[in-house]
Amino acid sequence: MVNFAFMVLLNYAVRVLTILVGLFFLSGRLFYEHPYKTELQVIGAMLVVWGVYRIFSYRKALKEYKNEDDND
């Protein structure tokens, strides 16, 4: 059971880290005068959206797993 809890925590940590990296790219602080600044900001926005989507889809999968486990 400890292994399962660690995996859940690790999954959430990776998803939050993805969102933070996306926000970092989106803010533009890394590249002030970079020629591809706009493209990097778009990639940052996509990372944020993808990270949020992955959190919601993982929560849904966990609920389904727990419901399936309770039915057994």
PDB file of N, CA and C in Angstrom:
ATOM      1  N   MET A   1       0.819  -1.196   0.000  1.00  0.00           N
ATOM      2  CA  MET A   1       0.000   0.000   0.000  1.00  0.00           C
ATOM      3  C   MET A   1       0.862   1.259   0.000  1.00  0.00           C
ATOM      4  N   VAL A   2       2.011   1.199   0.638  1.00  0.00           N
ATOM      5  CA  VAL A   2       2.903   2.350   0.658  1.00  0.00           C
ATOM      6  C   VAL A   2       3.402   2.640  -0.754  1.00  0.00           C
ATOM      7  N   ASN A   3       3.643   1.607  -1.529  1.00  0.00           N
ATOM      8  CA  ASN A   3       4.101   1.779  -2.901  1.00  0.00           C
ATOM      9  C   ASN A   3       3.046   2.509  -3.728  1.00  0.00           C
ATOM     10  N   PHE A   4       1.773   2.171  -3.537  1.00  0.00           N
ATOM     11  CA  PHE A   4       0.685   2.829  -4.260  1.00  0.00           C
ATOM     12  C   PHE A   4       0.605   4.305  -3.889  1.00  0.00           C
ATOM     13  N   ALA A   5       0.726   4.607  -2.609  1.00  0.00           N
ATOM     14  CA  ALA A   5       0.670   6.003  -2.158  1.00  0.00           C
ATOM     15  C   ALA A   5       1.837   6.802  -2.730  1.00  0.00           C
ATOM     16  N   PHE A   6       3.000   6.181  -2.798  1.00  0.00           N
ATOM     17  CA  PHE A   6       4.159   6.857  -3.381  1.00  0.00           C
ATOM     18  C   PHE A   6       3.937   7.148  -4.859  1.00  0.00           C
ATOM     19  N   MET A   7       3.341   6.205  -5.576  1.00  0.00           N
ATOM     20  CA  MET A   7       3.089   6.397  -7.004  1.00  0.00           C
ATOM     21  C   MET A   7       2.070   7.515  -7.239  1.00  0.00           C
ATOM     22  N   VAL A   8       1.060   7.593  -6.387  1.00  0.00           N
ATOM     23  CA  VAL A   8       0.070   8.670  -6.506  1.00  0.00           C
ATOM     24  C   VAL A   8       0.743  10.017  -6.269  1.00  0.00           C
ATOM     25  N   LEU A   9       1.546  10.098  -5.230  1.00  0.00           N
ATOM     26  CA  LEU A   9       2.257  11.336  -4.921  1.00  0.00           C
ATOM     27  C   LEU A   9       3.214  11.714  -6.049  1.00  0.00           C
ATOM     28  N   LEU A  10       3.913  10.744  -6.584  1.00  0.00           N
ATOM     29  CA  LEU A  10       4.840  11.000  -7.685  1.00  0.00           C
ATOM     30  C   LEU A  10       4.100  11.494  -8.924  1.00  0.00           C
ATOM     31  N   ASN A  11       2.956  10.897  -9.225  1.00  0.00           N
ATOM     32  CA  ASN A  11       2.166  11.327 -10.373  1.00  0.00           C
ATOM     33  C   ASN A  11       1.725  12.780 -10.221  1.00  0.00           C
ATOM     34  N   TYR A  12       1.215  13.137  -9.060  1.00  0.00           N
ATOM     35  CA  TYR A  12       0.791  14.520  -8.842  1.00  0.00           C
ATOM     36  C   TYR A  12       1.985  15.479  -8.915  1.00  0.00           C
ATOM     37  N   ALA A  13       3.121  15.073  -8.370  1.00  0.00           N
ATOM     38  CA  ALA A  13       4.307  15.936  -8.393  1.00  0.00           C
ATOM     39  C   ALA A  13       4.769  16.202  -9.822  1.00  0.00           C
ATOM     40  N   VAL A  14       4.761  15.177 -10.655  1.00  0.00           N
ATOM     41  CA  VAL A  14       5.184  15.353 -12.051  1.00  0.00           C
ATOM     42  C   VAL A  14       4.214  16.256 -12.789  1.00  0.00           C
ATOM     43  N   ARG A  15       2.925  16.100 -12.538  1.00  0.00           N
ATOM     44  CA  ARG A  15       1.940  16.937 -13.222  1.00  0.00           C
ATOM     45  C   ARG A  15       2.046  18.392 -12.781  1.00  0.00           C
ATOM     46  N   VAL A  16       2.255  18.632 -11.503  1.00  0.00           N
ATOM     47  CA  VAL A  16       2.417  20.002 -11.007  1.00  0.00           C
ATOM     48  C   VAL A  16       3.713  20.604 -11.554  1.00  0.00           C
ATOM     49  N   LEU A  17       4.765  19.806 -11.629  1.00  0.00           N
ATOM     50  CA  LEU A  17       6.018  20.287 -12.202  1.00  0.00           C
ATOM     51  C   LEU A  17       5.842  20.663 -13.671  1.00  0.00           C
ATOM     52  N   THR A  18       5.057  19.886 -14.409  1.00  0.00           N
ATOM     53  CA  THR A  18       4.770  20.212 -15.808  1.00  0.00           C
ATOM     54  C   THR A  18       4.066  21.561 -15.907  1.00  0.00           C
ATOM     55  N   ILE A  19       3.108  21.798 -15.026  1.00  0.00           N
ATOM     56  CA  ILE A  19       2.393  23.081 -15.027  1.00  0.00           C
ATOM     57  C   ILE A  19       3.342  24.224 -14.679  1.00  0.00           C
ATOM     58  N   LEU A  20       4.216  24.014 -13.705  1.00  0.00           N
ATOM     59  CA  LEU A  20       5.154  25.069 -13.315  1.00  0.00           C
ATOM     60  C   LEU A  20       6.140  25.396 -14.434  1.00  0.00           C
ATOM     61  N   VAL A  21       6.631  24.378 -15.125  1.00  0.00           N
ATOM     62  CA  VAL A  21       7.529  24.618 -16.260  1.00  0.00           C
ATOM     63  C   VAL A  21       6.782  25.378 -17.351  1.00  0.00           C
ATOM     64  N   GLY A  22       5.532  24.999 -17.587  1.00  0.00           N
ATOM     65  CA  GLY A  22       4.722  25.713 -18.566  1.00  0.00           C
ATOM     66  C   GLY A  22       4.528  27.175 -18.194  1.00  0.00           C
ATOM     67  N   LEU A  23       4.265  27.436 -16.925  1.00  0.00           N
ATOM     68  CA  LEU A  23       4.109  28.822 -16.470  1.00  0.00           C
ATOM     69  C   LEU A  23       5.413  29.604 -16.601  1.00  0.00           C
ATOM     70  N   PHE A  24       6.523  28.920 -16.360  1.00  0.00           N
ATOM     71  CA  PHE A  24       7.831  29.555 -16.503  1.00  0.00           C
ATOM     72  C   PHE A  24       8.069  29.957 -17.955  1.00  0.00           C
ATOM     73  N   PHE A  25       7.751  29.060 -18.883  1.00  0.00           N
ATOM     74  CA  PHE A  25       7.881  29.378 -20.305  1.00  0.00           C
ATOM     75  C   PHE A  25       6.894  30.476 -20.700  1.00  0.00           C
ATOM     76  N   LEU A  26       5.693  30.399 -20.174  1.00  0.00           N
ATOM     77  CA  LEU A  26       4.643  31.356 -20.525  1.00  0.00           C
ATOM     78  C   LEU A  26       4.980  32.768 -20.052  1.00  0.00           C
ATOM     79  N   SER A  27       5.641  32.867 -18.921  1.00  0.00           N
ATOM     80  CA  SER A  27       5.986  34.186 -18.382  1.00  0.00           C
ATOM     81  C   SER A  27       7.030  34.897 -19.235  1.00  0.00           C
ATOM     82  N   GLY A  28       7.864  34.155 -19.936  1.00  0.00           N
ATOM     83  CA  GLY A  28       8.874  34.760 -20.794  1.00  0.00           C
ATOM     84  C   GLY A  28      10.097  35.267 -20.067  1.00  0.00           C
ATOM     85  N   ARG A  29      10.263  34.939 -18.820  1.00  0.00           N
ATOM     86  CA  ARG A  29      11.409  35.434 -18.056  1.00  0.00           C
ATOM     87  C   ARG A  29      12.714  34.746 -18.449  1.00  0.00           C
ATOM     88  N   LEU A  30      12.612  33.592 -19.039  1.00  0.00           N
ATOM     89  CA  LEU A  30      13.810  32.844 -19.421  1.00  0.00           C
ATOM     90  C   LEU A  30      14.476  33.462 -20.648  1.00  0.00           C
ATOM     91  N   PHE A  31      13.702  34.026 -21.528  1.00  0.00           N
ATOM     92  CA  PHE A  31      14.210  34.477 -22.828  1.00  0.00           C
ATOM     93  C   PHE A  31      13.643  35.864 -23.134  1.00  0.00           C
ATOM     94  N   TYR A  32      14.356  36.898 -22.756  1.00  0.00           N
ATOM     95  CA  TYR A  32      13.865  38.265 -22.955  1.00  0.00           C
ATOM     96  C   TYR A  32      13.880  38.658 -24.428  1.00  0.00           C
ATOM     97  N   GLU A  33      14.984  38.473 -25.114  1.00  0.00           N
ATOM     98  CA  GLU A  33      15.104  38.890 -26.508  1.00  0.00           C
ATOM     99  C   GLU A  33      15.347  37.693 -27.419  1.00  0.00           C
ATOM    100  N   HIS A  34      14.724  36.590 -27.133  1.00  0.00           N
ATOM    101  CA  HIS A  34      14.883  35.384 -27.952  1.00  0.00           C
ATOM    102  C   HIS A  34      14.044  35.535 -29.214  1.00  0.00           C
ATOM    103  N   PRO A  35      14.592  35.134 -30.373  1.00  0.00           N
ATOM    104  CA  PRO A  35      13.822  35.301 -31.615  1.00  0.00           C
ATOM    105  C   PRO A  35      12.558  34.440 -31.674  1.00  0.00           C
ATOM    106  N   TYR A  36      12.503  33.374 -30.895  1.00  0.00           N
ATOM    107  CA  TYR A  36      11.334  32.492 -30.894  1.00  0.00           C
ATOM    108  C   TYR A  36      10.534  32.629 -29.602  1.00  0.00           C
ATOM    109  N   LYS A  37      10.524  33.830 -29.032  1.00  0.00           N
ATOM    110  CA  LYS A  37       9.861  34.048 -27.740  1.00  0.00           C
ATOM    111  C   LYS A  37       8.379  33.686 -27.797  1.00  0.00           C
ATOM    112  N   THR A  38       7.686  34.083 -28.845  1.00  0.00           N
ATOM    113  CA  THR A  38       6.251  33.807 -28.956  1.00  0.00           C
ATOM    114  C   THR A  38       5.985  32.313 -29.039  1.00  0.00           C
ATOM    115  N   GLU A  39       6.790  31.607 -29.820  1.00  0.00           N
ATOM    116  CA  GLU A  39       6.605  30.164 -29.949  1.00  0.00           C
ATOM    117  C   GLU A  39       6.843  29.455 -28.618  1.00  0.00           C
ATOM    118  N   LEU A  40       7.851  29.915 -27.876  1.00  0.00           N
ATOM    119  CA  LEU A  40       8.130  29.311 -26.573  1.00  0.00           C
ATOM    120  C   LEU A  40       7.003  29.597 -25.581  1.00  0.00           C
ATOM    121  N   GLN A  41       6.384  30.760 -25.681  1.00  0.00           N
ATOM    122  CA  GLN A  41       5.247  31.060 -24.814  1.00  0.00           C
ATOM    123  C   GLN A  41       4.041  30.196 -25.176  1.00  0.00           C
ATOM    124  N   VAL A  42       3.860  29.924 -26.453  1.00  0.00           N
ATOM    125  CA  VAL A  42       2.774  29.028 -26.865  1.00  0.00           C
ATOM    126  C   VAL A  42       3.027  27.624 -26.335  1.00  0.00           C
ATOM    127  N   ILE A  43       4.271  27.170 -26.399  1.00  0.00           N
ATOM    128  CA  ILE A  43       4.614  25.857 -25.842  1.00  0.00           C
ATOM    129  C   ILE A  43       4.335  25.847 -24.341  1.00  0.00           C
ATOM    130  N   GLY A  44       4.642  26.944 -23.654  1.00  0.00           N
ATOM    131  CA  GLY A  44       4.352  27.046 -22.228  1.00  0.00           C
ATOM    132  C   GLY A  44       2.869  26.935 -21.939  1.00  0.00           C
ATOM    133  N   ALA A  45       2.052  27.609 -22.740  1.00  0.00           N
ATOM    134  CA  ALA A  45       0.600  27.527 -22.558  1.00  0.00           C
ATOM    135  C   ALA A  45       0.105  26.108 -22.799  1.00  0.00           C
ATOM    136  N   MET A  46       0.660  25.456 -23.810  1.00  0.00           N
ATOM    137  CA  MET A  46       0.257  24.074 -24.088  1.00  0.00           C
ATOM    138  C   MET A  46       0.668  23.144 -22.954  1.00  0.00           C
ATOM    139  N   LEU A  47       1.827  23.377 -22.350  1.00  0.00           N
ATOM    140  CA  LEU A  47       2.251  22.568 -21.206  1.00  0.00           C
ATOM    141  C   LEU A  47       1.310  22.751 -20.020  1.00  0.00           C
ATOM    142  N   VAL A  48       0.880  23.978 -19.780  1.00  0.00           N
ATOM    143  CA  VAL A  48      -0.048  24.239 -18.674  1.00  0.00           C
ATOM    144  C   VAL A  48      -1.366  23.515 -18.911  1.00  0.00           C
ATOM    145  N   VAL A  49      -1.914  23.650 -20.108  1.00  0.00           N
ATOM    146  CA  VAL A  49      -3.190  22.995 -20.421  1.00  0.00           C
ATOM    147  C   VAL A  49      -3.045  21.484 -20.335  1.00  0.00           C
ATOM    148  N   TRP A  50      -1.946  20.956 -20.849  1.00  0.00           N
ATOM    149  CA  TRP A  50      -1.723  19.509 -20.811  1.00  0.00           C
ATOM    150  C   TRP A  50      -1.568  19.014 -19.371  1.00  0.00           C
ATOM    151  N   GLY A  51      -0.851  19.776 -18.535  1.00  0.00           N
ATOM    152  CA  GLY A  51      -0.680  19.392 -17.136  1.00  0.00           C
ATOM    153  C   GLY A  51      -1.998  19.374 -16.380  1.00  0.00           C
ATOM    154  N   VAL A  52      -2.845  20.380 -16.623  1.00  0.00           N
ATOM    155  CA  VAL A  52      -4.163  20.419 -15.973  1.00  0.00           C
ATOM    156  C   VAL A  52      -5.018  19.252 -16.451  1.00  0.00           C
ATOM    157  N   TYR A  53      -4.987  18.988 -17.757  1.00  0.00           N
ATOM    158  CA  TYR A  53      -5.738  17.852 -18.301  1.00  0.00           C
ATOM    159  C   TYR A  53      -5.276  16.539 -17.673  1.00  0.00           C
ATOM    160  N   ARG A  54      -3.970  16.362 -17.526  1.00  0.00           N
ATOM    161  CA  ARG A  54      -3.444  15.123 -16.962  1.00  0.00           C
ATOM    162  C   ARG A  54      -3.844  14.968 -15.488  1.00  0.00           C
ATOM    163  N   ILE A  55      -3.909  16.062 -14.745  1.00  0.00           N
ATOM    164  CA  ILE A  55      -4.343  15.973 -13.347  1.00  0.00           C
ATOM    165  C   ILE A  55      -5.790  15.508 -13.279  1.00  0.00           C
ATOM    166  N   PHE A  56      -6.658  16.109 -14.097  1.00  0.00           N
ATOM    167  CA  PHE A  56      -8.067  15.710 -14.074  1.00  0.00           C
ATOM    168  C   PHE A  56      -8.264  14.283 -14.564  1.00  0.00           C
ATOM    169  N   SER A  57      -7.545  13.894 -15.599  1.00  0.00           N
ATOM    170  CA  SER A  57      -7.700  12.523 -16.099  1.00  0.00           C
ATOM    171  C   SER A  57      -7.143  11.512 -15.099  1.00  0.00           C
ATOM    172  N   TYR A  58      -6.072  11.860 -14.383  1.00  0.00           N
ATOM    173  CA  TYR A  58      -5.520  10.958 -13.379  1.00  0.00           C
ATOM    174  C   TYR A  58      -6.471  10.827 -12.193  1.00  0.00           C
ATOM    175  N   ARG A  59      -7.085  11.935 -11.783  1.00  0.00           N
ATOM    176  CA  ARG A  59      -8.064  11.870 -10.685  1.00  0.00           C
ATOM    177  C   ARG A  59      -9.239  10.980 -11.064  1.00  0.00           C
ATOM    178  N   LYS A  60      -9.698  11.091 -12.310  1.00  0.00           N
ATOM    179  CA  LYS A  60     -10.803  10.261 -12.777  1.00  0.00           C
ATOM    180  C   LYS A  60     -10.406   8.787 -12.783  1.00  0.00           C
ATOM    181  N   ALA A  61      -9.198   8.499 -13.242  1.00  0.00           N
ATOM    182  CA  ALA A  61      -8.724   7.113 -13.266  1.00  0.00           C
ATOM    183  C   ALA A  61      -8.597   6.554 -11.847  1.00  0.00           C
ATOM    184  N   LEU A  62      -8.146   7.381 -10.905  1.00  0.00           N
ATOM    185  CA  LEU A  62      -8.050   6.926  -9.513  1.00  0.00           C
ATOM    186  C   LEU A  62      -9.425   6.618  -8.931  1.00  0.00           C
ATOM    187  N   LYS A  63     -10.420   7.473  -9.233  1.00  0.00           N
ATOM    188  CA  LYS A  63     -11.780   7.218  -8.748  1.00  0.00           C
ATOM    189  C   LYS A  63     -12.315   5.908  -9.307  1.00  0.00           C
ATOM    190  N   GLU A  64     -12.102   5.684 -10.597  1.00  0.00           N
ATOM    191  CA  GLU A  64     -12.567   4.440 -11.216  1.00  0.00           C
ATOM    192  C   GLU A  64     -11.869   3.236 -10.606  1.00  0.00           C
ATOM    193  N   TYR A  65     -10.575   3.362 -10.331  1.00  0.00           N
ATOM    194  CA  TYR A  65      -9.822   2.265  -9.726  1.00  0.00           C
ATOM    195  C   TYR A  65     -10.342   1.971  -8.322  1.00  0.00           C
ATOM    196  N   LYS A  66     -10.603   3.012  -7.546  1.00  0.00           N
ATOM    197  CA  LYS A  66     -11.105   2.808  -6.184  1.00  0.00           C
ATOM    198  C   LYS A  66     -12.513   2.226  -6.199  1.00  0.00           C
ATOM    199  N   ASN A  67     -13.369   2.686  -7.126  1.00  0.00           N
ATOM    200  CA  ASN A  67     -14.718   2.125  -7.233  1.00  0.00           C
ATOM    201  C   ASN A  67     -14.669   0.659  -7.640  1.00  0.00           C
ATOM    202  N   GLU A  68     -13.776   0.325  -8.556  1.00  0.00           N
ATOM    203  CA  GLU A  68     -13.628  -1.065  -8.980  1.00  0.00           C
ATOM    204  C   GLU A  68     -13.111  -1.918  -7.835  1.00  0.00           C
ATOM    205  N   ASP A  69     -12.191  -1.347  -7.054  1.00  0.00           N
ATOM    206  CA  ASP A  69     -11.624  -2.069  -5.917  1.00  0.00           C
ATOM    207  C   ASP A  69     -12.681  -2.287  -4.833  1.00  0.00           C
ATOM    208  N   ASP A  70     -13.569  -1.301  -4.638  1.00  0.00           N
ATOM    209  CA  ASP A  70     -14.625  -1.427  -3.636  1.00  0.00           C
ATOM    210  C   ASP A  70     -15.677  -2.452  -4.041  1.00  0.00           C
ATOM    211  N   ASN A  71     -15.911  -2.608  -5.336  1.00  0.00           N
ATOM    212  CA  ASN A  71     -16.909  -3.562  -5.810  1.00  0.00           C
ATOM    213  C   ASN A  71     -16.457  -5.007  -5.667  1.00  0.00           C
ATOM    214  N   ASP A  72     -15.163  -5.218  -5.565  1.00  0.00           N
ATOM    215  CA  ASP A  72     -14.661  -6.604  -5.435  1.00  0.00           C
ATOM    216  C   ASP A  72     -14.781  -7.145  -4.048  1.00  0.00           C
TER     217      ASP A  72
END
